[in-house]
Amino acid sequence: MSAQSAVSSVSRKFFRLADTGNGGRGLWYASNGVFTGLIHTQFSFCTNSALEMPFDPELVGWLSAAETLDDLFHWFSREDIAELEKYGYRIAVYEATVYRTYKNHWVVDQESSVLVETLLVETIPMPQL
């Protein structure tokens, strides 16, 4: 485990984009940890499609997640998410008791975290300016 990270054990919710009908596959990696790079090929319209996520042995068994919906919207625009929904991706809400920060983002333990809800972007109110 990275020295900059500490594992917590207080239950919290986290958010990520996942193809919940396909085992929770992400945009960079399948749920079994195999690199797919779908964000670079099939979903290159996404705001962060050029972002590399090279294999990191310290992240095996962990899922990248956002602490809040606002944080998720910094990674993916509402338009990105609406388009990804056409391919089965949803905003997945996970309850996690084992999570940590790693470099520039949160990760949750894949084995113990629980998918508690999925959301469509259109159901999330726009922030008030």
N, C-alpha and C. Protein backbone atom coordinates (compact mmCIF):
# COMPACT_ATOMS: atom_id res chain seq x y z
N MET A 1 0.84 -1.17 0.00
CA MET A 1 0.00 0.00 0.00
C MET A 1 0.89 1.23 0.00
N SER A 2 0.47 2.23 -0.73
CA SER A 2 1.23 3.46 -0.82
C SER A 2 1.32 4.15 0.53
N ALA A 3 2.46 4.74 0.82
CA ALA A 3 2.65 5.44 2.09
C ALA A 3 1.72 6.64 2.21
N GLN A 4 1.29 7.21 1.09
CA GLN A 4 0.42 8.37 1.15
C GLN A 4 -1.03 7.99 1.41
N SER A 5 -1.36 6.73 1.45
CA SER A 5 -2.73 6.29 1.60
C SER A 5 -2.93 5.59 2.92
N ALA A 6 -4.10 5.75 3.46
CA ALA A 6 -4.48 5.04 4.69
C ALA A 6 -5.85 4.43 4.47
N VAL A 7 -6.04 3.19 4.85
CA VAL A 7 -7.32 2.54 4.70
C VAL A 7 -8.23 2.99 5.83
N SER A 8 -9.45 3.35 5.49
CA SER A 8 -10.44 3.76 6.47
C SER A 8 -11.44 2.63 6.66
N SER A 9 -12.24 2.72 7.72
CA SER A 9 -13.24 1.68 7.95
C SER A 9 -14.60 2.24 8.34
N VAL A 10 -14.83 3.53 8.16
CA VAL A 10 -16.12 4.15 8.39
C VAL A 10 -16.91 4.05 7.09
N SER A 11 -18.15 3.59 7.15
CA SER A 11 -18.96 3.41 5.95
C SER A 11 -19.27 4.74 5.28
N ARG A 12 -19.04 4.78 3.96
CA ARG A 12 -19.30 5.98 3.17
C ARG A 12 -19.78 5.58 1.79
N LYS A 13 -20.43 6.53 1.11
CA LYS A 13 -20.86 6.32 -0.27
C LYS A 13 -19.82 6.92 -1.20
N PHE A 14 -19.64 6.24 -2.33
CA PHE A 14 -18.75 6.71 -3.39
C PHE A 14 -19.46 6.53 -4.73
N PHE A 15 -19.00 7.24 -5.73
CA PHE A 15 -19.66 7.26 -7.03
C PHE A 15 -18.64 6.93 -8.12
N ARG A 16 -19.10 6.14 -9.11
CA ARG A 16 -18.26 5.84 -10.26
C ARG A 16 -19.14 5.54 -11.44
N LEU A 17 -18.59 5.62 -12.63
CA LEU A 17 -19.31 5.19 -13.82
C LEU A 17 -18.97 3.74 -14.07
N ALA A 18 -20.00 2.93 -14.25
CA ALA A 18 -19.77 1.50 -14.46
C ALA A 18 -20.86 0.94 -15.35
N ASP A 19 -20.49 -0.03 -16.14
CA ASP A 19 -21.45 -0.78 -16.94
C ASP A 19 -22.01 -1.86 -16.02
N THR A 20 -23.05 -1.50 -15.28
CA THR A 20 -23.57 -2.38 -14.24
C THR A 20 -24.18 -3.66 -14.79
N GLY A 21 -24.55 -3.67 -16.05
CA GLY A 21 -25.08 -4.88 -16.67
C GLY A 21 -23.98 -5.78 -17.20
N ASN A 22 -22.75 -5.33 -17.10
CA ASN A 22 -21.61 -6.09 -17.62
C ASN A 22 -20.57 -6.27 -16.52
N GLY A 23 -21.04 -6.66 -15.35
CA GLY A 23 -20.13 -6.95 -14.24
C GLY A 23 -19.48 -5.75 -13.61
N GLY A 24 -19.99 -4.55 -13.87
CA GLY A 24 -19.40 -3.36 -13.28
C GLY A 24 -18.18 -2.85 -14.02
N ARG A 25 -18.05 -3.28 -15.28
CA ARG A 25 -16.90 -2.86 -16.09
C ARG A 25 -16.77 -1.34 -16.10
N GLY A 26 -15.53 -0.88 -15.95
CA GLY A 26 -15.25 0.54 -16.03
C GLY A 26 -14.89 0.94 -17.46
N LEU A 27 -14.39 2.13 -17.60
CA LEU A 27 -14.04 2.65 -18.92
C LEU A 27 -12.60 2.37 -19.32
N TRP A 28 -11.76 2.05 -18.34
CA TRP A 28 -10.38 1.71 -18.62
C TRP A 28 -10.13 0.21 -18.44
N TYR A 29 -10.78 -0.39 -17.43
CA TYR A 29 -10.52 -1.78 -17.07
C TYR A 29 -11.82 -2.56 -16.90
N ALA A 30 -11.79 -3.85 -17.22
CA ALA A 30 -12.90 -4.76 -16.94
C ALA A 30 -12.92 -5.04 -15.43
N SER A 31 -13.99 -5.61 -14.96
CA SER A 31 -14.12 -5.86 -13.51
C SER A 31 -13.08 -6.86 -13.00
N ASN A 32 -12.49 -7.65 -13.89
CA ASN A 32 -11.45 -8.60 -13.48
C ASN A 32 -10.05 -7.99 -13.55
N GLY A 33 -9.96 -6.70 -13.83
CA GLY A 33 -8.67 -6.01 -13.84
C GLY A 33 -7.95 -6.00 -15.17
N VAL A 34 -8.55 -6.58 -16.20
CA VAL A 34 -7.93 -6.60 -17.53
C VAL A 34 -8.18 -5.26 -18.21
N PHE A 35 -7.12 -4.67 -18.74
CA PHE A 35 -7.23 -3.38 -19.42
C PHE A 35 -8.04 -3.53 -20.69
N THR A 36 -9.07 -2.66 -20.86
CA THR A 36 -9.87 -2.66 -22.08
C THR A 36 -9.61 -1.40 -22.90
N GLY A 37 -9.32 -0.29 -22.23
CA GLY A 37 -9.08 0.96 -22.93
C GLY A 37 -10.29 1.47 -23.70
N LEU A 38 -11.49 1.06 -23.32
CA LEU A 38 -12.69 1.47 -24.05
C LEU A 38 -12.83 2.98 -24.15
N ILE A 39 -12.38 3.70 -23.13
CA ILE A 39 -12.49 5.16 -23.16
C ILE A 39 -11.64 5.75 -24.29
N HIS A 40 -10.59 5.06 -24.70
CA HIS A 40 -9.71 5.56 -25.76
C HIS A 40 -10.21 5.19 -27.15
N THR A 41 -11.06 4.20 -27.22
CA THR A 41 -11.51 3.71 -28.54
C THR A 41 -13.00 3.96 -28.73
N GLN A 42 -13.82 3.16 -28.09
CA GLN A 42 -15.27 3.23 -28.27
C GLN A 42 -15.87 4.51 -27.70
N PHE A 43 -15.27 5.04 -26.64
CA PHE A 43 -15.85 6.21 -25.97
C PHE A 43 -14.92 7.41 -25.98
N SER A 44 -14.26 7.62 -27.10
CA SER A 44 -13.28 8.71 -27.20
C SER A 44 -13.93 10.09 -27.14
N PHE A 45 -15.26 10.15 -27.16
CA PHE A 45 -15.96 11.43 -27.03
C PHE A 45 -15.89 11.98 -25.60
N CYS A 46 -15.52 11.15 -24.64
CA CYS A 46 -15.48 11.58 -23.24
C CYS A 46 -14.41 12.64 -23.01
N THR A 47 -14.71 13.56 -22.12
CA THR A 47 -13.82 14.67 -21.79
C THR A 47 -12.41 14.18 -21.46
N ASN A 48 -12.30 13.12 -20.69
CA ASN A 48 -11.00 12.63 -20.25
C ASN A 48 -10.52 11.40 -21.02
N SER A 49 -10.91 11.30 -22.28
CA SER A 49 -10.54 10.11 -23.05
C SER A 49 -9.04 9.99 -23.29
N ALA A 50 -8.30 11.07 -23.19
CA ALA A 50 -6.85 11.00 -23.39
C ALA A 50 -6.11 10.61 -22.10
N LEU A 51 -6.82 10.56 -20.99
CA LEU A 51 -6.20 10.25 -19.71
C LEU A 51 -5.76 8.78 -19.67
N GLU A 52 -4.48 8.57 -19.48
CA GLU A 52 -3.95 7.21 -19.38
C GLU A 52 -4.16 6.69 -17.97
N MET A 53 -4.46 5.44 -17.85
CA MET A 53 -4.55 4.77 -16.54
C MET A 53 -3.74 3.49 -16.66
N PRO A 54 -2.42 3.61 -16.62
CA PRO A 54 -1.58 2.42 -16.77
C PRO A 54 -1.79 1.45 -15.61
N PHE A 55 -1.53 0.19 -15.88
CA PHE A 55 -1.67 -0.84 -14.86
C PHE A 55 -0.81 -0.49 -13.66
N ASP A 56 -1.37 -0.64 -12.48
CA ASP A 56 -0.66 -0.35 -11.25
C ASP A 56 -0.95 -1.50 -10.28
N PRO A 57 0.06 -2.29 -9.94
CA PRO A 57 -0.19 -3.44 -9.07
C PRO A 57 -0.75 -3.06 -7.70
N GLU A 58 -0.54 -1.82 -7.25
CA GLU A 58 -1.08 -1.38 -5.97
C GLU A 58 -2.60 -1.18 -6.02
N LEU A 59 -3.17 -1.16 -7.24
CA LEU A 59 -4.60 -0.94 -7.37
C LEU A 59 -5.38 -2.21 -7.72
N VAL A 60 -4.72 -3.33 -7.79
CA VAL A 60 -5.42 -4.59 -8.05
C VAL A 60 -6.39 -4.84 -6.90
N GLY A 61 -7.66 -5.05 -7.23
CA GLY A 61 -8.69 -5.28 -6.22
C GLY A 61 -9.36 -4.00 -5.72
N TRP A 62 -9.01 -2.87 -6.31
CA TRP A 62 -9.59 -1.59 -5.93
C TRP A 62 -10.30 -0.97 -7.13
N LEU A 63 -11.37 -0.24 -6.88
CA LEU A 63 -12.11 0.46 -7.92
C LEU A 63 -11.93 1.97 -7.74
N SER A 64 -11.61 2.66 -8.81
CA SER A 64 -11.52 4.12 -8.75
C SER A 64 -12.92 4.68 -8.56
N ALA A 65 -13.03 5.70 -7.73
CA ALA A 65 -14.34 6.28 -7.42
C ALA A 65 -14.19 7.75 -7.08
N ALA A 66 -15.32 8.43 -7.05
CA ALA A 66 -15.36 9.84 -6.65
C ALA A 66 -16.06 9.94 -5.31
N GLU A 67 -15.63 10.90 -4.52
CA GLU A 67 -16.19 11.09 -3.19
C GLU A 67 -17.59 11.69 -3.24
N THR A 68 -17.85 12.51 -4.26
CA THR A 68 -19.15 13.18 -4.41
C THR A 68 -19.56 13.16 -5.87
N LEU A 69 -20.82 13.43 -6.12
CA LEU A 69 -21.28 13.56 -7.51
C LEU A 69 -20.58 14.73 -8.19
N ASP A 70 -20.39 15.82 -7.46
CA ASP A 70 -19.68 16.96 -8.04
C ASP A 70 -18.28 16.56 -8.50
N ASP A 71 -17.60 15.76 -7.71
CA ASP A 71 -16.27 15.28 -8.10
C ASP A 71 -16.36 14.41 -9.35
N LEU A 72 -17.39 13.56 -9.42
CA LEU A 72 -17.56 12.72 -10.61
C LEU A 72 -17.75 13.59 -11.86
N PHE A 73 -18.50 14.70 -11.70
CA PHE A 73 -18.74 15.59 -12.83
C PHE A 73 -17.49 16.38 -13.24
N HIS A 74 -16.46 16.36 -12.41
CA HIS A 74 -15.17 16.95 -12.83
C HIS A 74 -14.44 15.99 -13.76
N TRP A 75 -14.70 14.70 -13.59
CA TRP A 75 -14.06 13.69 -14.45
C TRP A 75 -14.84 13.46 -15.74
N PHE A 76 -16.16 13.51 -15.63
CA PHE A 76 -17.05 13.27 -16.77
C PHE A 76 -18.14 14.32 -16.78
N SER A 77 -18.37 14.91 -17.94
CA SER A 77 -19.44 15.91 -18.05
C SER A 77 -20.80 15.20 -18.04
N ARG A 78 -21.83 15.96 -17.79
CA ARG A 78 -23.19 15.40 -17.86
C ARG A 78 -23.45 14.85 -19.27
N GLU A 79 -22.94 15.54 -20.27
CA GLU A 79 -23.11 15.09 -21.65
C GLU A 79 -22.40 13.75 -21.88
N ASP A 80 -21.18 13.64 -21.35
CA ASP A 80 -20.45 12.36 -21.44
C ASP A 80 -21.29 11.24 -20.84
N ILE A 81 -21.80 11.48 -19.65
CA ILE A 81 -22.54 10.44 -18.93
C ILE A 81 -23.82 10.08 -19.67
N ALA A 82 -24.54 11.08 -20.17
CA ALA A 82 -25.77 10.81 -20.92
C ALA A 82 -25.47 9.93 -22.14
N GLU A 83 -24.38 10.20 -22.82
CA GLU A 83 -24.01 9.39 -23.99
C GLU A 83 -23.60 7.98 -23.56
N LEU A 84 -22.84 7.86 -22.48
CA LEU A 84 -22.42 6.55 -21.98
C LEU A 84 -23.60 5.70 -21.53
N GLU A 85 -24.66 6.35 -21.05
CA GLU A 85 -25.86 5.62 -20.63
C GLU A 85 -26.46 4.82 -21.79
N LYS A 86 -26.29 5.28 -23.01
CA LYS A 86 -26.79 4.55 -24.19
C LYS A 86 -26.09 3.21 -24.34
N TYR A 87 -24.93 3.05 -23.72
CA TYR A 87 -24.14 1.82 -23.80
C TYR A 87 -24.20 1.00 -22.51
N GLY A 88 -25.12 1.37 -21.62
CA GLY A 88 -25.30 0.60 -20.39
C GLY A 88 -24.56 1.12 -19.17
N TYR A 89 -23.81 2.18 -19.32
CA TYR A 89 -23.11 2.75 -18.17
C TYR A 89 -24.08 3.55 -17.32
N ARG A 90 -23.86 3.51 -16.03
CA ARG A 90 -24.69 4.23 -15.07
C ARG A 90 -23.78 4.85 -14.02
N ILE A 91 -24.32 5.84 -13.34
CA ILE A 91 -23.64 6.32 -12.14
C ILE A 91 -23.93 5.28 -11.08
N ALA A 92 -22.89 4.61 -10.66
CA ALA A 92 -23.02 3.55 -9.67
C ALA A 92 -22.66 4.12 -8.30
N VAL A 93 -23.56 3.91 -7.35
CA VAL A 93 -23.34 4.38 -5.98
C VAL A 93 -22.94 3.17 -5.15
N TYR A 94 -21.76 3.24 -4.58
CA TYR A 94 -21.23 2.15 -3.77
C TYR A 94 -21.17 2.56 -2.31
N GLU A 95 -21.52 1.63 -1.44
CA GLU A 95 -21.30 1.79 -0.01
C GLU A 95 -20.01 1.03 0.29
N ALA A 96 -19.08 1.72 0.92
CA ALA A 96 -17.78 1.10 1.17
C ALA A 96 -17.33 1.37 2.60
N THR A 97 -16.75 0.37 3.19
CA THR A 97 -16.14 0.54 4.50
C THR A 97 -14.62 0.46 4.40
N VAL A 98 -14.13 -0.02 3.27
CA VAL A 98 -12.69 -0.09 3.04
C VAL A 98 -12.40 0.77 1.80
N TYR A 99 -11.73 1.88 2.01
CA TYR A 99 -11.42 2.81 0.93
C TYR A 99 -10.18 3.60 1.33
N ARG A 100 -9.59 4.26 0.34
CA ARG A 100 -8.40 5.05 0.60
C ARG A 100 -8.18 6.01 -0.55
N THR A 101 -7.33 6.99 -0.31
CA THR A 101 -6.91 7.84 -1.42
C THR A 101 -5.66 7.21 -2.02
N TYR A 102 -5.55 7.35 -3.31
CA TYR A 102 -4.37 6.85 -4.00
C TYR A 102 -4.01 7.86 -5.07
N LYS A 103 -2.85 8.46 -4.91
CA LYS A 103 -2.39 9.53 -5.80
C LYS A 103 -3.46 10.62 -5.84
N ASN A 104 -4.14 10.78 -6.96
CA ASN A 104 -5.07 11.92 -7.08
C ASN A 104 -6.54 11.54 -6.98
N HIS A 105 -6.86 10.35 -6.46
CA HIS A 105 -8.27 9.99 -6.40
C HIS A 105 -8.56 8.94 -5.32
N TRP A 106 -9.85 8.70 -5.10
CA TRP A 106 -10.29 7.70 -4.15
C TRP A 106 -10.39 6.35 -4.82
N VAL A 107 -10.16 5.31 -4.05
CA VAL A 107 -10.41 3.93 -4.50
C VAL A 107 -11.14 3.20 -3.39
N VAL A 108 -12.02 2.28 -3.81
CA VAL A 108 -12.77 1.47 -2.85
C VAL A 108 -12.42 0.01 -3.09
N ASP A 109 -12.46 -0.76 -2.02
CA ASP A 109 -12.17 -2.18 -2.11
C ASP A 109 -13.24 -2.87 -2.95
N GLN A 110 -12.82 -3.53 -4.01
CA GLN A 110 -13.75 -4.15 -4.93
C GLN A 110 -14.53 -5.29 -4.28
N GLU A 111 -13.89 -6.04 -3.42
CA GLU A 111 -14.51 -7.22 -2.81
C GLU A 111 -15.58 -6.85 -1.78
N SER A 112 -15.31 -5.85 -0.96
CA SER A 112 -16.23 -5.56 0.14
C SER A 112 -17.21 -4.43 -0.14
N SER A 113 -16.97 -3.61 -1.14
CA SER A 113 -17.91 -2.52 -1.43
C SER A 113 -19.19 -3.11 -2.03
N VAL A 114 -20.28 -2.41 -1.80
CA VAL A 114 -21.59 -2.90 -2.23
C VAL A 114 -22.25 -1.86 -3.13
N LEU A 115 -22.69 -2.29 -4.31
CA LEU A 115 -23.46 -1.42 -5.19
C LEU A 115 -24.84 -1.27 -4.58
N VAL A 116 -25.19 -0.04 -4.17
CA VAL A 116 -26.47 0.17 -3.50
C VAL A 116 -27.51 0.85 -4.37
N GLU A 117 -27.06 1.48 -5.46
CA GLU A 117 -27.98 2.23 -6.30
C GLU A 117 -27.31 2.58 -7.61
N THR A 118 -28.12 2.70 -8.65
CA THR A 118 -27.63 3.26 -9.90
C THR A 118 -28.49 4.46 -10.25
N LEU A 119 -27.86 5.46 -10.84
CA LEU A 119 -28.54 6.71 -11.16
C LEU A 119 -28.37 7.04 -12.63
N LEU A 120 -29.40 7.66 -13.20
CA LEU A 120 -29.30 8.25 -14.53
C LEU A 120 -29.00 9.73 -14.35
N VAL A 121 -28.19 10.28 -15.20
CA VAL A 121 -27.75 11.67 -15.04
C VAL A 121 -28.94 12.63 -15.07
N GLU A 122 -29.97 12.31 -15.82
CA GLU A 122 -31.12 13.21 -15.90
C GLU A 122 -31.89 13.32 -14.58
N THR A 123 -31.68 12.38 -13.66
CA THR A 123 -32.39 12.42 -12.38
C THR A 123 -31.65 13.27 -11.34
N ILE A 124 -30.48 13.74 -11.68
CA ILE A 124 -29.67 14.52 -10.74
C ILE A 124 -29.86 16.01 -11.05
N PRO A 125 -30.39 16.77 -10.09
CA PRO A 125 -30.63 18.19 -10.35
C PRO A 125 -29.35 18.93 -10.71
N MET A 126 -29.51 19.90 -11.55
CA MET A 126 -28.40 20.80 -11.89
C MET A 126 -28.11 21.67 -10.67
N PRO A 127 -26.85 21.97 -10.41
CA PRO A 127 -26.53 22.84 -9.27
C PRO A 127 -27.08 24.24 -9.48
N GLN A 128 -27.47 24.86 -8.39
CA GLN A 128 -27.97 26.24 -8.44
C GLN A 128 -26.78 27.19 -8.50
N LEU A 129 -26.84 28.14 -9.40
CA LEU A 129 -25.76 29.12 -9.53
C LEU A 129 -26.00 30.32 -8.66
